Amino acid sequence: ATPSNSYLDQLWQQRFDGVQRSNEALRVLKLAKDISAADVTRITAEARFLRGHYHFEGKKMWNNVPYIDETIYKRDDPNSTKIPNDKDIWSNIEADFKFAADNLPATQAQKGRATKWAAMTYLAKAYIYQKKWAAAKTLLLDVYANSGKKLMPNYHDNYRNITNNNAESIFEVEFSVNDGSTGNNGNAGDNLNWPYSAN
């Protein structure tokens, strides 16, 4: 990477924008009234799943990144999130995915929402990155045996619009199309994921 590569700045910003939005959902949820305890638990688990995802992506990219939860940001102190990145945050990432796995439903009515199986799989992936093979295997065998997920007969069905959210899909991110945004709501986080010319 060179100092002129602005994509790294954008990747950092996108990761921590996601963390901030997850934390904001958790902060606002505490102010909500007329909401069932079951919905509070589910929404908390969804927000923690996403916060785990964004911290995990940052951890994979830069290793030592700050872990920021909903208690750190103070509206009156813009410097409140300027915390050291000198700690290994695997345990925080694991805690978010574990909470999500323990509290999310096995299925969701809306496509693109995290489930228990998605959280368990993400937790297993975090274990794999740390070489916690036995813990990862236990979770993955549970997902394999109990989630109802299975490999598609045709591998290419994982990449066709018509077969989105198929039996092999553990978690898919949903994007809109033809919404007038000129693609600005797409997956900008994958900006470095294609070959570049020498020009």
Protein backbone atom coordinates (compact mmCIF):
# COMPACT_ATOMS: atom_id res chain seq x y z
CA ALA A 1 0.00 0.00 0.00
CA THR A 2 1.18 3.49 -0.77
CA PRO A 3 0.30 6.75 1.04
CA SER A 4 -1.77 7.80 -1.98
CA ASN A 5 -4.02 4.71 -1.75
CA SER A 6 -7.21 6.25 -0.41
CA TYR A 7 -9.01 2.90 -0.36
CA LEU A 8 -7.38 1.90 2.92
CA ASP A 9 -8.79 5.02 4.57
CA GLN A 10 -12.18 4.21 3.11
CA LEU A 11 -12.02 0.62 4.35
CA TRP A 12 -11.19 1.84 7.87
CA GLN A 13 -14.02 4.36 7.76
CA GLN A 14 -16.53 1.78 6.50
CA ARG A 15 -15.61 -0.69 9.23
CA PHE A 16 -16.00 1.86 11.99
CA ASP A 17 -19.10 3.45 10.42
CA GLY A 18 -20.62 -0.03 10.77
CA VAL A 19 -19.43 -0.28 14.38
CA GLN A 20 -20.88 3.16 15.14
CA ARG A 21 -24.25 2.33 13.58
CA SER A 22 -24.43 -0.92 15.51
CA ASN A 23 -23.63 0.92 18.74
CA GLU A 24 -26.15 3.65 17.95
CA ALA A 25 -28.86 1.01 17.54
CA LEU A 26 -27.96 -0.35 20.98
CA ARG A 27 -28.01 3.13 22.54
CA VAL A 28 -31.36 4.07 20.97
CA LEU A 29 -32.84 0.70 21.93
CA LYS A 30 -32.33 1.57 25.60
CA LEU A 31 -34.60 4.61 25.08
CA ALA A 32 -37.33 2.71 23.27
CA LYS A 33 -40.71 2.32 24.88
CA ASP A 34 -43.54 -0.07 24.09
CA ILE A 35 -41.22 -2.77 22.79
CA SER A 36 -41.36 -6.36 23.92
CA ALA A 37 -38.52 -7.97 25.83
CA ALA A 38 -38.21 -10.53 23.03
CA ASP A 39 -37.75 -7.77 20.44
CA VAL A 40 -35.18 -6.02 22.63
CA THR A 41 -33.18 -9.24 22.88
CA ARG A 42 -33.41 -9.95 19.14
CA ILE A 43 -32.45 -6.41 18.11
CA THR A 44 -29.57 -6.39 20.60
CA ALA A 45 -28.35 -9.69 19.17
CA GLU A 46 -28.61 -8.38 15.59
CA ALA A 47 -26.67 -5.22 16.48
CA ARG A 48 -23.99 -7.18 18.30
CA PHE A 49 -23.72 -9.58 15.36
CA LEU A 50 -23.06 -6.63 13.04
CA ARG A 51 -20.65 -5.01 15.49
CA GLY A 52 -18.78 -8.31 15.70
CA HIS A 53 -18.70 -8.49 11.90
CA TYR A 54 -17.23 -5.00 11.48
CA HIS A 55 -14.64 -5.44 14.24
CA PHE A 56 -13.74 -8.84 12.76
CA GLU A 57 -13.19 -7.29 9.33
CA GLY A 58 -10.97 -4.61 10.89
CA LYS A 59 -9.06 -7.19 12.93
CA LYS A 60 -8.39 -9.28 9.80
CA MET A 61 -7.15 -6.24 7.90
CA TRP A 62 -5.06 -4.40 10.51
CA ASN A 63 -4.77 -6.78 13.51
CA ASN A 64 -4.67 -4.28 16.38
CA VAL A 65 -7.78 -2.13 16.06
CA PRO A 66 -9.71 -0.44 18.86
CA TYR A 67 -12.79 -2.22 20.17
CA ILE A 68 -15.57 0.32 20.53
CA ASP A 69 -18.85 -0.62 22.16
CA GLU A 70 -21.96 1.43 22.91
CA THR A 71 -20.61 2.60 26.29
CA ILE A 72 -17.48 4.32 24.92
CA TYR A 73 -18.93 7.02 22.68
CA LYS A 74 -20.04 10.18 24.49
CA ARG A 75 -22.06 12.62 22.44
CA ASP A 76 -20.51 15.61 24.23
CA ASP A 77 -16.95 14.33 23.80
CA PRO A 78 -15.92 13.77 20.18
CA ASN A 79 -12.61 12.37 21.39
CA SER A 80 -14.28 9.62 23.42
CA THR A 81 -13.69 7.03 20.69
CA LYS A 82 -10.02 7.88 20.32
CA ILE A 83 -8.87 4.91 22.34
CA PRO A 84 -5.62 2.99 22.03
CA ASN A 85 -5.42 0.06 19.62
CA ASP A 86 -2.94 -1.82 21.76
CA LYS A 87 -5.19 -4.70 22.84
CA ASP A 88 -6.07 -7.95 21.14
CA ILE A 89 -9.84 -7.75 20.64
CA TRP A 90 -10.57 -11.40 19.76
CA SER A 91 -12.36 -11.94 23.07
CA ASN A 92 -14.64 -8.94 22.38
CA ILE A 93 -15.44 -10.20 18.88
CA GLU A 94 -16.14 -13.67 20.26
CA ALA A 95 -18.44 -12.22 22.95
CA ASP A 96 -20.51 -10.34 20.35
CA PHE A 97 -20.92 -13.41 18.14
CA LYS A 98 -21.62 -15.66 21.14
CA PHE A 99 -24.36 -13.33 22.40
CA ALA A 100 -25.83 -13.24 18.89
CA ALA A 101 -25.69 -17.04 18.55
CA ASP A 102 -27.38 -17.50 21.93
CA ASN A 103 -30.14 -14.97 21.27
CA LEU A 104 -30.97 -14.89 17.57
CA PRO A 105 -33.72 -17.06 16.09
CA ALA A 106 -32.83 -19.99 13.86
CA THR A 107 -34.70 -18.33 10.98
CA GLN A 108 -35.78 -14.79 10.18
CA ALA A 109 -38.83 -13.71 8.19
CA GLN A 110 -36.83 -11.02 6.35
CA LYS A 111 -33.97 -11.93 4.03
CA GLY A 112 -30.59 -10.54 5.04
CA ARG A 113 -31.19 -10.63 8.79
CA ALA A 114 -28.68 -12.53 10.88
CA THR A 115 -29.69 -15.85 12.40
CA LYS A 116 -28.35 -18.10 15.12
CA TRP A 117 -26.60 -20.17 12.45
CA ALA A 118 -24.91 -17.15 10.88
CA ALA A 119 -23.63 -16.04 14.29
CA MET A 120 -22.36 -19.53 15.12
CA THR A 121 -20.57 -19.75 11.77
CA TYR A 122 -18.98 -16.33 12.25
CA LEU A 123 -17.87 -17.32 15.75
CA ALA A 124 -16.34 -20.48 14.30
CA LYS A 125 -14.55 -18.38 11.69
CA ALA A 126 -13.13 -16.17 14.45
CA TYR A 127 -11.91 -19.32 16.19
CA ILE A 128 -10.29 -20.54 12.97
CA TYR A 129 -8.36 -17.28 12.61
CA GLN A 130 -7.00 -17.90 16.12
CA LYS A 131 -6.27 -21.59 15.39
CA LYS A 132 -8.84 -22.72 17.97
CA TRP A 133 -9.59 -25.72 15.80
CA ALA A 134 -11.56 -27.85 18.29
CA ALA A 135 -13.90 -25.01 19.27
CA ALA A 136 -14.51 -24.14 15.62
CA LYS A 137 -15.17 -27.75 14.67
CA THR A 138 -17.76 -28.16 17.44
CA LEU A 139 -19.72 -25.13 16.22
CA LEU A 140 -19.47 -26.02 12.55
CA LEU A 141 -20.62 -29.58 13.14
CA ASP A 142 -23.64 -28.20 15.02
CA VAL A 143 -24.44 -25.87 12.09
CA TYR A 144 -23.96 -28.71 9.61
CA ALA A 145 -26.16 -31.13 11.55
CA ASN A 146 -28.93 -28.81 12.73
CA SER A 147 -29.27 -25.72 10.53
CA GLY A 148 -30.90 -27.42 7.56
CA LYS A 149 -28.23 -25.90 5.32
CA LYS A 150 -26.69 -28.05 2.61
CA LEU A 151 -24.45 -27.74 -0.43
CA MET A 152 -26.19 -26.81 -3.65
CA PRO A 153 -25.99 -29.43 -6.42
CA ASN A 154 -24.63 -26.75 -8.76
CA TYR A 155 -21.83 -24.61 -7.25
CA HIS A 156 -22.63 -21.72 -9.61
CA ASP A 157 -26.07 -21.34 -8.00
CA ASN A 158 -24.27 -19.46 -5.23
CA TYR A 159 -23.58 -16.63 -7.69
CA ARG A 160 -26.84 -16.33 -9.62
CA ASN A 161 -29.48 -13.75 -8.76
CA ILE A 162 -32.25 -16.24 -9.31
CA THR A 163 -30.81 -18.58 -6.66
CA ASN A 164 -29.93 -15.99 -3.99
CA ASN A 165 -30.56 -17.05 -0.40
CA ASN A 166 -30.45 -20.72 -1.32
CA ALA A 167 -30.01 -23.77 0.92
CA GLU A 168 -26.23 -23.26 1.02
CA SER A 169 -26.42 -19.65 2.17
CA ILE A 170 -25.65 -19.05 5.84
CA PHE A 171 -25.73 -15.25 5.62
CA GLU A 172 -26.23 -12.95 2.64
CA VAL A 173 -26.17 -9.18 2.48
CA GLU A 174 -29.08 -7.77 0.52
CA PHE A 175 -28.56 -4.83 -1.86
CA SER A 176 -31.17 -2.86 -3.75
CA VAL A 177 -31.00 -2.19 -7.47
CA ASN A 178 -32.49 0.48 -9.72
CA ASP A 179 -33.14 2.74 -6.74
CA GLY A 180 -31.64 5.94 -8.16
CA SER A 181 -28.56 5.82 -5.93
CA THR A 182 -26.16 5.23 -8.87
CA GLY A 183 -24.70 2.31 -6.96
CA ASN A 184 -23.74 4.24 -3.84
CA ASN A 185 -25.59 1.77 -1.65
CA GLY A 186 -23.58 -1.15 -3.06
CA ASN A 187 -20.76 -3.01 -1.41
CA ALA A 188 -18.10 -0.33 -1.41
CA GLY A 189 -16.15 -2.45 1.06
CA ASP A 190 -15.09 -4.68 -1.83
CA ASN A 191 -13.44 -1.84 -3.74
CA LEU A 192 -10.05 -3.57 -3.65
CA ASN A 193 -11.44 -6.86 -4.89
CA TRP A 194 -10.73 -6.70 -8.61
CA PRO A 195 -7.67 -6.52 -10.89
CA TYR A 196 -6.35 -3.07 -11.70
CA SER A 197 -4.58 -1.91 -14.84
CA ALA A 198 -1.09 -0.46 -14.62
CA ASN A 199 -2.36 3.04 -15.56
